[in-house]
C-alpha atoms as a PDB file:
ATOM      1  CA  MET A   1      38.668 -28.648  14.942  1.00  0.00           C
ATOM      2  CA  ASP A   2      42.418 -28.091  14.668  1.00  0.00           C
ATOM      3  CA  MET A   3      44.605 -28.328  17.780  1.00  0.00           C
ATOM      4  CA  THR A   4      48.131 -27.079  18.485  1.00  0.00           C
ATOM      5  CA  THR A   5      50.040 -25.813  21.534  1.00  0.00           C
ATOM      6  CA  LEU A   6      51.242 -22.380  22.570  1.00  0.00           C
ATOM      7  CA  GLN A   7      53.911 -21.667  25.197  1.00  0.00           C
ATOM      8  CA  ILE A   8      53.986 -18.240  26.865  1.00  0.00           C
ATOM      9  CA  ASP A   9      56.613 -18.031  29.612  1.00  0.00           C
ATOM     10  CA  ASP A  10      55.684 -20.793  32.110  1.00  0.00           C
ATOM     11  CA  LEU A  11      52.162 -21.235  30.728  1.00  0.00           C
ATOM     12  CA  GLN A  12      51.380 -23.864  28.093  1.00  0.00           C
ATOM     13  CA  PHE A  13      48.076 -23.743  26.232  1.00  0.00           C
ATOM     14  CA  GLU A  14      46.322 -26.301  24.078  1.00  0.00           C
ATOM     15  CA  VAL A  15      45.063 -24.254  21.131  1.00  0.00           C
ATOM     16  CA  ARG A  16      41.758 -25.413  19.678  1.00  0.00           C
ATOM     17  CA  ARG A  17      40.744 -23.803  16.409  1.00  0.00           C
ATOM     18  CA  SER A  18      37.141 -24.044  15.276  1.00  0.00           C
ATOM     19  CA  ALA A  19      35.261 -22.548  12.348  1.00  0.00           C
ATOM     20  CA  ARG A  20      32.238 -22.193  14.617  1.00  0.00           C
ATOM     21  CA  ARG A  21      34.046 -19.845  17.024  1.00  0.00           C
ATOM     22  CA  ARG A  22      34.136 -16.069  16.564  1.00  0.00           C
ATOM     23  CA  SER A  23      36.038 -14.987  19.676  1.00  0.00           C
ATOM     24  CA  LEU A  24      39.045 -16.024  21.779  1.00  0.00           C
ATOM     25  CA  GLU A  25      38.533 -17.784  25.096  1.00  0.00           C
ATOM     26  CA  ILE A  26      40.800 -19.279  27.755  1.00  0.00           C
ATOM     27  CA  THR A  27      39.559 -22.173  29.881  1.00  0.00           C
ATOM     28  CA  VAL A  28      41.285 -23.808  32.843  1.00  0.00           C
ATOM     29  CA  ASP A  29      40.117 -27.406  32.790  1.00  0.00           C
ATOM     30  CA  ARG A  30      39.575 -29.928  35.583  1.00  0.00           C
ATOM     31  CA  GLY A  31      43.210 -30.914  35.925  1.00  0.00           C
ATOM     32  CA  GLY A  32      44.565 -27.371  35.590  1.00  0.00           C
ATOM     33  CA  GLU A  33      45.410 -27.673  31.881  1.00  0.00           C
ATOM     34  CA  LEU A  34      44.979 -24.470  29.875  1.00  0.00           C
ATOM     35  CA  ILE A  35      42.727 -24.441  26.802  1.00  0.00           C
ATOM     36  CA  LEU A  36      42.772 -21.587  24.276  1.00  0.00           C
ATOM     37  CA  SER A  37      39.740 -21.744  21.968  1.00  0.00           C
ATOM     38  CA  VAL A  38      40.027 -19.543  18.876  1.00  0.00           C
ATOM     39  CA  PRO A  39      38.599 -19.059  15.368  1.00  0.00           C
ATOM     40  CA  THR A  40      40.239 -21.087  12.621  1.00  0.00           C
ATOM     41  CA  ASP A  41      41.801 -18.090  10.867  1.00  0.00           C
ATOM     42  CA  CYS A  42      43.139 -16.347  13.995  1.00  0.00           C
ATOM     43  CA  PRO A  43      46.842 -15.429  13.438  1.00  0.00           C
ATOM     44  CA  ASP A  44      49.461 -16.584  15.936  1.00  0.00           C
ATOM     45  CA  GLU A  45      50.444 -13.000  16.767  1.00  0.00           C
ATOM     46  CA  ARG A  46      46.915 -12.281  17.988  1.00  0.00           C
ATOM     47  CA  LEU A  47      46.925 -15.440  20.128  1.00  0.00           C
ATOM     48  CA  GLN A  48      50.175 -14.458  21.808  1.00  0.00           C
ATOM     49  CA  ASP A  49      48.991 -10.906  22.450  1.00  0.00           C
ATOM     50  CA  PHE A  50      45.683 -12.166  23.871  1.00  0.00           C
ATOM     51  CA  VAL A  51      47.408 -14.607  26.222  1.00  0.00           C
ATOM     52  CA  ARG A  52      49.907 -12.022  27.443  1.00  0.00           C
ATOM     53  CA  ARG A  53      47.064  -9.608  28.248  1.00  0.00           C
ATOM     54  CA  LYS A  54      45.167 -12.358  30.072  1.00  0.00           C
ATOM     55  CA  ARG A  55      48.198 -13.796  31.841  1.00  0.00           C
ATOM     56  CA  MET A  56      47.398 -12.410  35.309  1.00  0.00           C
ATOM     57  CA  TRP A  57      43.817 -13.627  34.978  1.00  0.00           C
ATOM     58  CA  VAL A  58      45.133 -17.108  34.145  1.00  0.00           C
ATOM     59  CA  TYR A  59      47.363 -17.148  37.231  1.00  0.00           C
ATOM     60  CA  GLN A  60      44.388 -16.065  39.346  1.00  0.00           C
ATOM     61  CA  GLN A  61      42.226 -18.851  37.928  1.00  0.00           C
ATOM     62  CA  LEU A  62      44.915 -21.456  38.555  1.00  0.00           C
ATOM     63  CA  ALA A  63      45.258 -20.251  42.145  1.00  0.00           C
ATOM     64  CA  ARG A  64      41.479 -20.287  42.612  1.00  0.00           C
ATOM     65  CA  LYS A  65      41.191 -23.817  41.233  1.00  0.00           C
ATOM     66  CA  GLU A  66      43.976 -25.018  43.506  1.00  0.00           C
ATOM     67  CA  ALA A  67      42.303 -23.399  46.517  1.00  0.00           C
ATOM     68  CA  THR A  68      38.889 -24.788  45.564  1.00  0.00           C
ATOM     69  CA  SER A  69      40.285 -28.276  45.173  1.00  0.00           C
ATOM     70  CA  ALA A  70      41.982 -28.063  48.565  1.00  0.00           C
ATOM     71  CA  ALA A  71      38.853 -26.654  50.203  1.00  0.00           C
ATOM     72  CA  VAL A  72      36.390 -29.277  48.976  1.00  0.00           C
ATOM     73  CA  ARG A  73      34.694 -30.474  52.134  1.00  0.00           C
ATOM     74  CA  PRO A  74      34.165 -34.209  52.476  1.00  0.00           C
ATOM     75  CA  LYS A  75      30.507 -35.044  52.949  1.00  0.00           C
ATOM     76  CA  GLU A  76      29.205 -36.013  56.367  1.00  0.00           C
ATOM     77  CA  PHE A  77      26.515 -38.625  56.708  1.00  0.00           C
ATOM     78  CA  VAL A  78      24.276 -36.599  58.981  1.00  0.00           C
ATOM     79  CA  ASP A  79      20.707 -35.319  58.665  1.00  0.00           C
ATOM     80  CA  GLY A  80      20.414 -32.552  56.092  1.00  0.00           C
ATOM     81  CA  GLU A  81      23.691 -33.155  54.243  1.00  0.00           C
ATOM     82  CA  GLY A  82      23.262 -32.658  50.505  1.00  0.00           C
ATOM     83  CA  PHE A  83      24.291 -35.255  47.917  1.00  0.00           C
ATOM     84  CA  ALA A  84      24.163 -34.770  44.149  1.00  0.00           C
ATOM     85  CA  TYR A  85      22.388 -37.025  41.668  1.00  0.00           C
ATOM     86  CA  LEU A  86      22.072 -36.091  37.973  1.00  0.00           C
ATOM     87  CA  GLY A  87      22.737 -32.454  38.721  1.00  0.00           C
ATOM     88  CA  ARG A  88      20.346 -32.001  41.625  1.00  0.00           C
ATOM     89  CA  SER A  89      21.097 -31.932  45.343  1.00  0.00           C
ATOM     90  CA  TYR A  90      19.122 -34.234  47.646  1.00  0.00           C
ATOM     91  CA  ARG A  91      19.193 -33.987  51.432  1.00  0.00           C
ATOM     92  CA  LEU A  92      20.022 -37.004  53.545  1.00  0.00           C
ATOM     93  CA  LYS A  93      17.512 -38.268  56.096  1.00  0.00           C
ATOM     94  CA  LEU A  94      18.740 -40.749  58.684  1.00  0.00           C
ATOM     95  CA  VAL A  95      16.044 -43.099  59.942  1.00  0.00           C
ATOM     96  CA  PRO A  96      15.993 -45.510  62.897  1.00  0.00           C
ATOM     97  CA  PRO A  97      17.403 -49.020  62.394  1.00  0.00           C
ATOM     98  CA  GLY A  98      14.753 -51.260  60.908  1.00  0.00           C
ATOM     99  CA  ALA A  99      12.821 -48.395  59.304  1.00  0.00           C
ATOM    100  CA  SER A 100      14.287 -49.352  55.924  1.00  0.00           C
ATOM    101  CA  THR A 101      15.676 -52.624  54.624  1.00  0.00           C
ATOM    102  CA  SER A 102      17.966 -50.823  52.135  1.00  0.00           C
ATOM    103  CA  ALA A 103      21.189 -49.020  52.955  1.00  0.00           C
ATOM    104  CA  VAL A 104      20.212 -46.177  50.614  1.00  0.00           C
ATOM    105  CA  LYS A 105      16.909 -45.134  49.043  1.00  0.00           C
ATOM    106  CA  LEU A 106      15.795 -42.017  47.194  1.00  0.00           C
ATOM    107  CA  VAL A 107      12.303 -41.338  48.485  1.00  0.00           C
ATOM    108  CA  GLY A 108      10.245 -38.176  48.203  1.00  0.00           C
ATOM    109  CA  GLY A 109      13.199 -36.085  47.072  1.00  0.00           C
ATOM    110  CA  ARG A 110      15.483 -37.218  49.905  1.00  0.00           C
ATOM    111  CA  PHE A 111      18.151 -39.840  50.366  1.00  0.00           C
ATOM    112  CA  VAL A 112      17.028 -42.156  53.156  1.00  0.00           C
ATOM    113  CA  MET A 113      19.579 -44.184  55.109  1.00  0.00           C
ATOM    114  CA  PRO A 114      19.222 -46.180  58.355  1.00  0.00           C
ATOM    115  CA  SER A 115      21.448 -44.562  60.995  1.00  0.00           C
ATOM    116  CA  THR A 116      23.341 -47.833  61.511  1.00  0.00           C
ATOM    117  CA  PHE A 117      24.688 -47.528  57.942  1.00  0.00           C
ATOM    118  CA  ALA A 118      25.944 -43.964  58.402  1.00  0.00           C
ATOM    119  CA  PRO A 119      29.475 -44.882  59.607  1.00  0.00           C
ATOM    120  CA  GLU A 120      30.025 -46.624  56.240  1.00  0.00           C
ATOM    121  CA  GLY A 121      27.755 -44.225  54.393  1.00  0.00           C
ATOM    122  CA  ARG A 122      30.229 -43.383  51.647  1.00  0.00           C
ATOM    123  CA  THR A 123      30.640 -47.024  50.656  1.00  0.00           C
ATOM    124  CA  HIS A 124      26.881 -47.588  50.567  1.00  0.00           C
ATOM    125  CA  LEU A 125      26.180 -44.423  48.589  1.00  0.00           C
ATOM    126  CA  ILE A 126      28.890 -45.192  46.027  1.00  0.00           C
ATOM    127  CA  ARG A 127      27.314 -48.611  45.537  1.00  0.00           C
ATOM    128  CA  TRP A 128      23.914 -46.945  45.063  1.00  0.00           C
ATOM    129  CA  TYR A 129      25.348 -44.477  42.543  1.00  0.00           C
ATOM    130  CA  SER A 130      27.113 -47.257  40.638  1.00  0.00           C
ATOM    131  CA  ASP A 131      23.991 -49.420  40.475  1.00  0.00           C
ATOM    132  CA  ARG A 132      22.020 -46.553  38.946  1.00  0.00           C
ATOM    133  CA  ALA A 133      24.808 -45.308  36.718  1.00  0.00           C
ATOM    134  CA  ARG A 134      25.187 -48.590  34.801  1.00  0.00           C
ATOM    135  CA  PRO A 135      21.696 -48.744  33.259  1.00  0.00           C
ATOM    136  CA  TRP A 136      21.505 -44.965  32.818  1.00  0.00           C
ATOM    137  CA  LEU A 137      24.819 -44.816  30.962  1.00  0.00           C
ATOM    138  CA  ALA A 138      24.023 -47.960  28.970  1.00  0.00           C
ATOM    139  CA  HIS A 139      20.793 -46.312  27.790  1.00  0.00           C
ATOM    140  CA  GLN A 140      22.717 -43.236  26.605  1.00  0.00           C
ATOM    141  CA  VAL A 141      25.281 -45.409  24.818  1.00  0.00           C
ATOM    142  CA  LYS A 142      22.493 -47.281  23.031  1.00  0.00           C
ATOM    143  CA  ALA A 143      20.837 -44.004  22.026  1.00  0.00           C
ATOM    144  CA  TYR A 144      24.018 -42.707  20.358  1.00  0.00           C
ATOM    145  CA  ALA A 145      25.432 -45.983  18.990  1.00  0.00           C
ATOM    146  CA  ALA A 146      23.733 -46.031  15.585  1.00  0.00           C
ATOM    147  CA  ARG A 147      24.304 -42.319  14.997  1.00  0.00           C
ATOM    148  CA  MET A 148      27.998 -42.646  15.802  1.00  0.00           C
ATOM    149  CA  GLU A 149      28.395 -45.947  13.943  1.00  0.00           C
ATOM    150  CA  VAL A 150      29.849 -47.829  16.896  1.00  0.00           C
ATOM    151  CA  ASP A 151      28.946 -51.047  18.688  1.00  0.00           C
ATOM    152  CA  PRO A 152      30.496 -50.996  22.173  1.00  0.00           C
ATOM    153  CA  THR A 153      30.833 -54.294  24.007  1.00  0.00           C
ATOM    154  CA  GLY A 154      29.279 -52.835  27.138  1.00  0.00           C
ATOM    155  CA  VAL A 155      29.485 -50.341  29.989  1.00  0.00           C
ATOM    156  CA  ARG A 156      31.431 -50.663  33.221  1.00  0.00           C
ATOM    157  CA  VAL A 157      31.283 -48.253  36.158  1.00  0.00           C
ATOM    158  CA  GLN A 158      34.150 -47.898  38.616  1.00  0.00           C
ATOM    159  CA  ASP A 159      36.496 -45.405  40.257  1.00  0.00           C
ATOM    160  CA  LEU A 160      38.677 -43.966  37.487  1.00  0.00           C
ATOM    161  CA  GLY A 161      40.587 -41.471  39.595  1.00  0.00           C
ATOM    162  CA  TYR A 162      40.721 -38.118  37.795  1.00  0.00           C
ATOM    163  CA  ARG A 163      39.125 -39.396  34.597  1.00  0.00           C
ATOM    164  CA  TRP A 164      35.404 -39.214  33.906  1.00  0.00           C
ATOM    165  CA  GLY A 165      35.599 -42.059  31.418  1.00  0.00           C
ATOM    166  CA  SER A 166      37.841 -44.188  29.250  1.00  0.00           C
ATOM    167  CA  CYS A 167      37.655 -46.538  26.296  1.00  0.00           C
ATOM    168  CA  GLY A 168      39.252 -49.892  27.087  1.00  0.00           C
ATOM    169  CA  LYS A 169      40.373 -52.995  25.245  1.00  0.00           C
ATOM    170  CA  GLY A 170      37.669 -55.003  23.588  1.00  0.00           C
ATOM    171  CA  ASP A 171      35.582 -51.863  22.980  1.00  0.00           C
ATOM    172  CA  TRP A 172      34.439 -51.646  26.592  1.00  0.00           C
ATOM    173  CA  LEU A 173      33.399 -48.210  27.827  1.00  0.00           C
ATOM    174  CA  TYR A 174      34.396 -47.307  31.385  1.00  0.00           C
ATOM    175  CA  PHE A 175      32.849 -44.471  33.364  1.00  0.00           C
ATOM    176  CA  HIS A 176      33.602 -43.053  36.788  1.00  0.00           C
ATOM    177  CA  TRP A 177      30.717 -43.603  39.184  1.00  0.00           C
ATOM    178  CA  LYS A 178      30.807 -39.850  39.813  1.00  0.00           C
ATOM    179  CA  THR A 179      29.463 -39.166  36.323  1.00  0.00           C
ATOM    180  CA  ILE A 180      25.955 -39.866  37.657  1.00  0.00           C
ATOM    181  CA  LEU A 181      26.322 -36.866  39.980  1.00  0.00           C
ATOM    182  CA  LEU A 182      26.625 -34.489  37.008  1.00  0.00           C
ATOM    183  CA  PRO A 183      23.676 -32.879  35.165  1.00  0.00           C
ATOM    184  CA  ALA A 184      22.292 -35.215  32.507  1.00  0.00           C
ATOM    185  CA  PRO A 185      23.458 -33.133  29.489  1.00  0.00           C
ATOM    186  CA  ILE A 186      27.007 -33.156  30.863  1.00  0.00           C
ATOM    187  CA  VAL A 187      26.949 -36.927  31.406  1.00  0.00           C
ATOM    188  CA  GLU A 188      25.799 -37.281  27.783  1.00  0.00           C
ATOM    189  CA  TYR A 189      28.874 -35.324  26.699  1.00  0.00           C
ATOM    190  CA  VAL A 190      31.120 -37.724  28.638  1.00  0.00           C
ATOM    191  CA  VAL A 191      29.368 -40.629  26.903  1.00  0.00           C
ATOM    192  CA  VAL A 192      29.800 -39.146  23.422  1.00  0.00           C
ATOM    193  CA  HIS A 193      33.427 -38.285  24.170  1.00  0.00           C
ATOM    194  CA  GLU A 194      34.283 -41.862  25.118  1.00  0.00           C
ATOM    195  CA  MET A 195      32.263 -43.375  22.271  1.00  0.00           C
ATOM    196  CA  SER A 196      34.223 -41.206  19.833  1.00  0.00           C
ATOM    197  CA  HIS A 197      37.370 -42.890  21.087  1.00  0.00           C
ATOM    198  CA  LEU A 198      36.095 -46.157  19.607  1.00  0.00           C
ATOM    199  CA  HIS A 199      36.915 -44.573  16.234  1.00  0.00           C
ATOM    200  CA  GLU A 200      39.775 -42.270  17.204  1.00  0.00           C
ATOM    201  CA  PRO A 201      41.973 -43.269  20.184  1.00  0.00           C
ATOM    202  CA  HIS A 202      43.628 -39.842  20.495  1.00  0.00           C
ATOM    203  CA  HIS A 203      42.361 -36.277  20.694  1.00  0.00           C
ATOM    204  CA  THR A 204      43.108 -35.529  17.062  1.00  0.00           C
ATOM    205  CA  PRO A 205      41.150 -33.116  14.852  1.00  0.00           C
ATOM    206  CA  ALA A 206      39.316 -36.160  13.467  1.00  0.00           C
ATOM    207  CA  PHE A 207      38.296 -37.125  17.002  1.00  0.00           C
ATOM    208  CA  TRP A 208      36.814 -33.702  17.744  1.00  0.00           C
ATOM    209  CA  ARG A 209      34.987 -33.693  14.414  1.00  0.00           C
ATOM    210  CA  ARG A 210      33.279 -36.924  15.429  1.00  0.00           C
ATOM    211  CA  VAL A 211      32.308 -35.444  18.789  1.00  0.00           C
ATOM    212  CA  GLU A 212      30.920 -32.349  17.081  1.00  0.00           C
ATOM    213  CA  ARG A 213      28.900 -34.350  14.561  1.00  0.00           C
ATOM    214  CA  ALA A 214      27.219 -36.283  17.354  1.00  0.00           C
ATOM    215  CA  MET A 215      26.869 -33.285  19.696  1.00  0.00           C
ATOM    216  CA  PRO A 216      27.126 -29.860  18.024  1.00  0.00           C
ATOM    217  CA  ASP A 217      27.113 -28.019  21.380  1.00  0.00           C
ATOM    218  CA  HIS A 218      29.855 -30.170  22.907  1.00  0.00           C
ATOM    219  CA  GLU A 219      32.103 -27.159  23.568  1.00  0.00           C
ATOM    220  CA  ARG A 220      29.493 -25.620  25.870  1.00  0.00           C
ATOM    221  CA  ARG A 221      29.020 -28.885  27.748  1.00  0.00           C
ATOM    222  CA  ARG A 222      32.746 -29.512  28.021  1.00  0.00           C
ATOM    223  CA  GLY A 223      33.222 -25.955  29.264  1.00  0.00           C
ATOM    224  CA  TRP A 224      30.710 -26.581  32.033  1.00  0.00           C
ATOM    225  CA  LEU A 225      32.482 -29.791  33.013  1.00  0.00           C
ATOM    226  CA  GLU A 226      35.869 -28.097  33.082  1.00  0.00           C
ATOM    227  CA  SER A 227      34.536 -25.219  35.187  1.00  0.00           C
ATOM    228  CA  HIS A 228      32.287 -27.108  37.609  1.00  0.00           C
ATOM    229  CA  GLY A 229      33.517 -30.698  37.671  1.00  0.00           C
ATOM    230  CA  LEU A 230      35.450 -30.182  40.898  1.00  0.00           C
ATOM    231  CA  GLU A 231      32.242 -29.224  42.687  1.00  0.00           C
ATOM    232  CA  VAL A 232      30.953 -32.802  42.650  1.00  0.00           C
ATOM    233  CA  GLU A 233      34.076 -34.302  44.204  1.00  0.00           C
ATOM    234  CA  GLY A 234      33.365 -33.786  47.896  1.00  0.00           C
ATOM    235  CA  LEU A 235      31.895 -37.234  48.573  1.00  0.00           C
END
């Protein structure tokens, strides 16, 4: 995959050329960056014409993303509130103090939390997510390690701000605890993305070739993440 940039008025696009693509597509990613995915042999004149015709649509999408981000409702720790886990939504059930010895449990398709823990519910649920994310992510890393010819030191889960993952010094892989809220195939993409950085630190064509070799449908998964990632950020 070859990558360049294209500037049209006040809009800057990252152009991604791929031999697998047959059409032109614009994507507004999680942080508001603009991605223009095109066939390898698409001439620059066609790119510019396509972007100019889609310019109003792009402005609308940027406005919608900004409004969606601003409108994300923080979760309330009350009966019936929904919380995501590996792409599914589970309702919260508050139980009387003493009914459970754990701050958070997933039982019978519901999150169960003693009512006395509800005031600090976010802290307890993040801890629960993190505890489950570590072994789940480590299993995915192990599954891809031989195929990708890497040997990561280990997996760490923490709050990474706006990043889903990162590759740190000493070949450690870091993942946001929120990754475990995403559907499993999308989490796998995040894993493969970060593992590819063990070979290629930057998003060069060589980097994307490694991602594609390990996960041929990575563009579809990344597209889902760019379009729906904000939806899991209301906790």
